[in-house]
């Protein structure tokens, strides 16, 4: 049985990946067990497990304002941490799957494809793009630009004037397992729609909020992604 080592083992994505897995042995150390800012921690786990795939899901994400207020934490976790993962995977020739974000795109016109111009609109986006840069230096990689959210949606209000290509995290985990042997960069998400429309499909009680009501972090009006490449690779029943 092929093995997957995943960073961020206590995170929501790692949990969903283990729930839907039927084909792989998954090893999911916690942040305390495998600190990605400590390269010896990573090497210890990789050399012990010798996985076929390393899914790098460990990252500093929310609250988004932390990236604006304390960018040094973003650099340490999302750029240096990812570079450490790349170096170890490179040393042991392990396939690396890096979970990136739709926030690496400018967020202006939407329908972004994998070859489009990149210009993040938040420091979080810049930190994830910094991670992408190190991943691209290693040939045996796959970058997945994800647009996923928790199920159920964790907030009482959702943006009515921001478009994204969201899918729920349990759906995203199934998709990632289908893509492990791909290479390059793939957008992973659902149809383009407002965040409010996406959430209201499963939560009719969610309230509307607009971009002008958010002041603590930069937001964008249209982060939607073109997912034609994804649809050509995996079966429609998966997404």
Protein backbone atom coordinates (compact mmCIF):
# COMPACT_ATOMS: atom_id res chain seq x y z
CA UNK A 1 0.00 0.00 0.00
CA UNK A 2 1.35 3.42 -0.97
CA UNK A 3 1.98 5.89 1.84
CA UNK A 4 1.13 9.56 2.28
CA UNK A 5 2.83 11.81 4.80
CA UNK A 6 0.84 14.98 5.41
CA UNK A 7 1.88 18.09 7.31
CA UNK A 8 -0.65 19.87 9.48
CA UNK A 9 -1.91 16.56 10.80
CA UNK A 10 -4.40 18.09 13.26
CA UNK A 11 -5.86 20.43 10.65
CA UNK A 12 -9.30 20.15 9.07
CA UNK A 13 -7.96 19.10 5.69
CA UNK A 14 -5.83 16.27 7.07
CA UNK A 15 -8.83 15.04 9.03
CA UNK A 16 -11.07 15.01 5.96
CA UNK A 17 -8.37 13.30 3.91
CA UNK A 18 -8.23 10.46 6.39
CA UNK A 19 -12.02 10.13 6.47
CA UNK A 20 -12.37 9.68 2.72
CA UNK A 21 -9.22 7.61 2.18
CA UNK A 22 -9.59 3.98 1.13
CA UNK A 23 -6.38 3.30 -0.78
CA UNK A 24 -3.41 4.72 1.10
CA UNK A 25 -1.66 4.52 4.44
CA UNK A 26 -1.76 8.08 5.76
CA UNK A 27 0.66 9.33 8.39
CA UNK A 28 -0.46 12.68 9.81
CA UNK A 29 1.87 14.03 12.50
CA UNK A 30 0.74 17.06 14.47
CA UNK A 31 2.52 20.41 14.34
CA UNK A 32 4.18 19.52 17.64
CA UNK A 33 5.42 16.20 16.25
CA UNK A 34 6.61 17.62 12.92
CA UNK A 35 7.35 21.33 13.04
CA UNK A 36 7.91 22.42 9.44
CA UNK A 37 10.09 25.32 10.60
CA UNK A 38 12.51 22.68 11.90
CA UNK A 39 14.03 20.84 8.96
CA UNK A 40 15.34 18.01 11.16
CA UNK A 41 11.75 17.30 12.29
CA UNK A 42 10.67 16.90 8.68
CA UNK A 43 13.65 14.73 7.77
CA UNK A 44 13.04 12.48 10.77
CA UNK A 45 9.48 11.74 9.63
CA UNK A 46 10.29 11.40 5.94
CA UNK A 47 13.22 9.05 6.57
CA UNK A 48 11.11 6.98 9.00
CA UNK A 49 7.96 6.76 6.87
CA UNK A 50 9.54 6.94 3.38
CA UNK A 51 6.22 8.03 1.86
CA UNK A 52 5.33 7.91 -1.80
CA UNK A 53 3.70 11.33 -1.45
CA UNK A 54 4.18 14.29 0.86
CA UNK A 55 1.07 16.48 1.00
CA UNK A 56 2.10 19.83 2.41
CA UNK A 57 -1.08 21.12 4.03
CA UNK A 58 0.55 22.66 7.10
CA UNK A 59 0.39 26.45 6.95
CA UNK A 60 -0.43 29.61 8.83
CA UNK A 61 -3.85 30.66 7.54
CA UNK A 62 -6.49 32.21 9.79
CA UNK A 63 -7.14 34.68 11.17
CA UNK A 64 -6.14 36.49 7.96
CA UNK A 65 -5.28 39.65 9.87
CA UNK A 66 -2.32 37.90 11.49
CA UNK A 67 -0.46 38.03 8.17
CA UNK A 68 -0.93 41.80 8.02
CA UNK A 69 -0.01 42.42 11.66
CA UNK A 70 2.75 39.85 12.08
CA UNK A 71 4.21 39.05 8.63
CA UNK A 72 7.28 37.48 10.20
CA UNK A 73 5.05 34.58 11.25
CA UNK A 74 3.88 34.17 7.64
CA UNK A 75 7.45 34.13 6.41
CA UNK A 76 8.55 31.57 8.98
CA UNK A 77 5.64 29.16 8.46
CA UNK A 78 4.57 29.55 4.86
CA UNK A 79 7.81 30.43 3.08
CA UNK A 80 10.67 29.03 5.18
CA UNK A 81 8.56 26.07 6.34
CA UNK A 82 7.64 25.18 2.76
CA UNK A 83 11.26 25.56 1.64
CA UNK A 84 12.26 23.09 4.35
CA UNK A 85 9.68 20.60 3.09
CA UNK A 86 10.97 21.01 -0.47
CA UNK A 87 14.58 20.41 0.56
CA UNK A 88 13.72 17.19 2.38
CA UNK A 89 11.49 15.88 -0.41
CA UNK A 90 14.24 16.68 -2.86
CA UNK A 91 16.82 14.81 -0.78
CA UNK A 92 14.67 11.66 -0.61
CA UNK A 93 13.01 12.03 -4.04
CA UNK A 94 9.49 12.17 -2.56
CA UNK A 95 6.58 13.44 -4.67
CA UNK A 96 5.48 16.77 -3.18
CA UNK A 97 1.88 18.03 -3.35
CA UNK A 98 1.64 21.64 -2.18
CA UNK A 99 -1.71 23.11 -1.20
CA UNK A 100 -1.69 26.71 -2.37
CA UNK A 101 -4.58 29.17 -2.66
CA UNK A 102 -6.69 31.17 -5.10
CA UNK A 103 -5.40 34.24 -3.24
CA UNK A 104 -2.22 34.18 -5.36
CA UNK A 105 -4.32 35.65 -8.21
CA UNK A 106 -5.08 39.42 -8.40
CA UNK A 107 -8.76 38.96 -7.56
CA UNK A 108 -9.96 41.55 -10.05
CA UNK A 109 -11.37 39.90 -13.19
CA UNK A 110 -11.82 36.28 -12.10
CA UNK A 111 -11.84 33.11 -14.20
CA UNK A 112 -8.09 32.80 -13.66
CA UNK A 113 -6.33 29.88 -15.29
CA UNK A 114 -3.11 28.26 -14.11
CA UNK A 115 -0.89 30.30 -16.45
CA UNK A 116 -2.37 33.71 -15.62
CA UNK A 117 -0.53 36.62 -14.06
CA UNK A 118 -0.03 36.28 -10.31
CA UNK A 119 -0.31 39.23 -7.93
CA UNK A 120 -1.65 38.44 -4.46
CA UNK A 121 -3.88 41.04 -2.81
CA UNK A 122 -3.00 40.04 0.78
CA UNK A 123 0.16 39.21 2.66
CA UNK A 124 -1.27 35.73 3.18
CA UNK A 125 -1.40 35.33 -0.59
CA UNK A 126 2.18 36.55 -0.92
CA UNK A 127 3.31 34.05 1.70
CA UNK A 128 1.66 31.18 -0.19
CA UNK A 129 3.16 32.38 -3.47
CA UNK A 130 6.53 32.46 -1.76
CA UNK A 131 5.97 28.80 -0.93
CA UNK A 132 5.08 28.09 -4.56
CA UNK A 133 8.41 29.58 -5.66
CA UNK A 134 10.41 27.06 -3.66
CA UNK A 135 8.17 24.17 -4.74
CA UNK A 136 8.71 25.04 -8.41
CA UNK A 137 12.45 24.53 -7.99
CA UNK A 138 11.78 20.81 -7.41
CA UNK A 139 10.70 18.92 -10.53
CA UNK A 140 8.72 16.21 -8.73
CA UNK A 141 5.90 18.48 -7.56
CA UNK A 142 2.23 19.30 -7.88
CA UNK A 143 0.82 22.70 -6.88
CA UNK A 144 -2.90 22.78 -6.15
CA UNK A 145 -4.44 26.25 -5.94
CA UNK A 146 -7.35 25.53 -3.65
CA UNK A 147 -10.59 27.38 -2.96
CA UNK A 148 -12.10 25.43 -0.10
CA UNK A 149 -14.10 26.16 3.02
CA UNK A 150 -15.20 24.36 6.16
CA UNK A 151 -18.50 22.53 6.27
CA UNK A 152 -20.63 23.97 7.76
CA UNK A 153 -19.58 27.53 6.90
CA UNK A 154 -18.15 28.89 10.18
CA UNK A 155 -19.51 32.45 10.01
CA UNK A 156 -23.02 33.93 10.38
CA UNK A 157 -22.50 36.19 7.34
CA UNK A 158 -21.10 35.61 3.84
CA UNK A 159 -19.90 38.05 1.20
CA UNK A 160 -22.52 38.84 -1.40
CA UNK A 161 -20.18 40.81 -3.67
CA UNK A 162 -17.11 38.58 -3.73
CA UNK A 163 -16.94 35.76 -6.27
CA UNK A 164 -14.95 32.61 -5.67
CA UNK A 165 -14.82 29.03 -6.93
CA UNK A 166 -15.45 27.42 -3.58
CA UNK A 167 -15.94 23.81 -2.63
CA UNK A 168 -16.28 22.32 0.82
CA UNK A 169 -13.20 20.85 2.43
CA UNK A 170 -14.52 17.27 2.45
CA UNK A 171 -15.05 17.51 -1.33
CA UNK A 172 -11.59 19.01 -1.79
CA UNK A 173 -9.96 16.11 0.09
CA UNK A 174 -11.52 13.60 -2.34
CA UNK A 175 -10.27 15.61 -5.29
CA UNK A 176 -6.71 15.79 -3.97
CA UNK A 177 -6.55 12.01 -3.63
CA UNK A 178 -7.49 11.76 -7.32
CA UNK A 179 -4.66 14.10 -8.35
CA UNK A 180 -1.65 12.66 -6.52
CA UNK A 181 0.14 11.48 -9.66
CA UNK A 182 -0.34 14.72 -11.60
CA UNK A 183 2.40 17.33 -12.01
CA UNK A 184 2.54 21.07 -12.52
CA UNK A 185 -0.21 23.40 -11.30
CA UNK A 186 -3.97 22.78 -11.10
CA UNK A 187 -6.81 25.02 -9.91
CA UNK A 188 -9.09 23.12 -7.53
CA UNK A 189 -12.54 24.48 -6.80
CA UNK A 190 -16.21 24.58 -7.72
CA UNK A 191 -18.31 26.85 -9.92
CA UNK A 192 -17.87 30.61 -9.92
CA UNK A 193 -20.40 32.34 -7.66
CA UNK A 194 -20.59 34.75 -4.76
CA UNK A 195 -19.57 33.42 -1.38
CA UNK A 196 -23.12 34.12 -0.18
CA UNK A 197 -24.69 32.07 -3.00
CA UNK A 198 -22.30 29.20 -2.28
CA UNK A 199 -23.07 29.14 1.43
CA UNK A 200 -26.82 29.69 1.10
CA UNK A 201 -27.16 26.44 -0.87
CA UNK A 202 -26.56 24.54 2.37
CA UNK A 203 -27.34 27.24 4.94
CA UNK A 204 -30.42 29.32 4.02
CA UNK A 205 -30.08 31.27 7.28
CA UNK A 206 -26.73 32.85 6.43
CA UNK A 207 -26.80 36.65 6.26
CA UNK A 208 -25.24 38.90 3.62
CA UNK A 209 -22.20 41.11 4.15
CA UNK A 210 -20.39 43.32 1.62
CA UNK A 211 -16.74 44.05 0.96
CA UNK A 212 -17.01 47.63 2.19
CA UNK A 213 -17.99 46.31 5.62
CA UNK A 214 -14.63 44.54 6.03
CA UNK A 215 -11.78 46.80 7.06
CA UNK A 216 -9.15 44.69 8.84
CA UNK A 217 -7.82 42.84 5.75
CA UNK A 218 -7.70 43.41 2.00
CA UNK A 219 -10.40 41.58 0.06
CA UNK A 220 -10.99 41.11 -3.66
CA UNK A 221 -14.14 41.19 -5.74
CA UNK A 222 -13.48 38.18 -7.98
CA UNK A 223 -11.08 35.34 -7.12
CA UNK A 224 -12.91 32.78 -9.26
CA UNK A 225 -10.78 30.25 -11.09
CA UNK A 226 -11.04 28.46 -14.40
CA UNK A 227 -11.18 24.76 -13.51
CA UNK A 228 -11.25 23.31 -17.04
CA UNK A 229 -7.88 21.61 -16.47
CA UNK A 230 -9.21 19.89 -13.36
CA UNK A 231 -12.35 18.72 -15.14
CA UNK A 232 -10.30 17.12 -17.91
CA UNK A 233 -8.34 15.06 -15.39
CA UNK A 234 -10.94 13.71 -12.99
CA UNK A 235 -14.43 12.34 -13.30
CA UNK A 236 -17.37 14.72 -12.96
CA UNK A 237 -18.77 12.62 -10.13
CA UNK A 238 -15.83 13.59 -7.91
CA UNK A 239 -16.34 17.37 -8.21
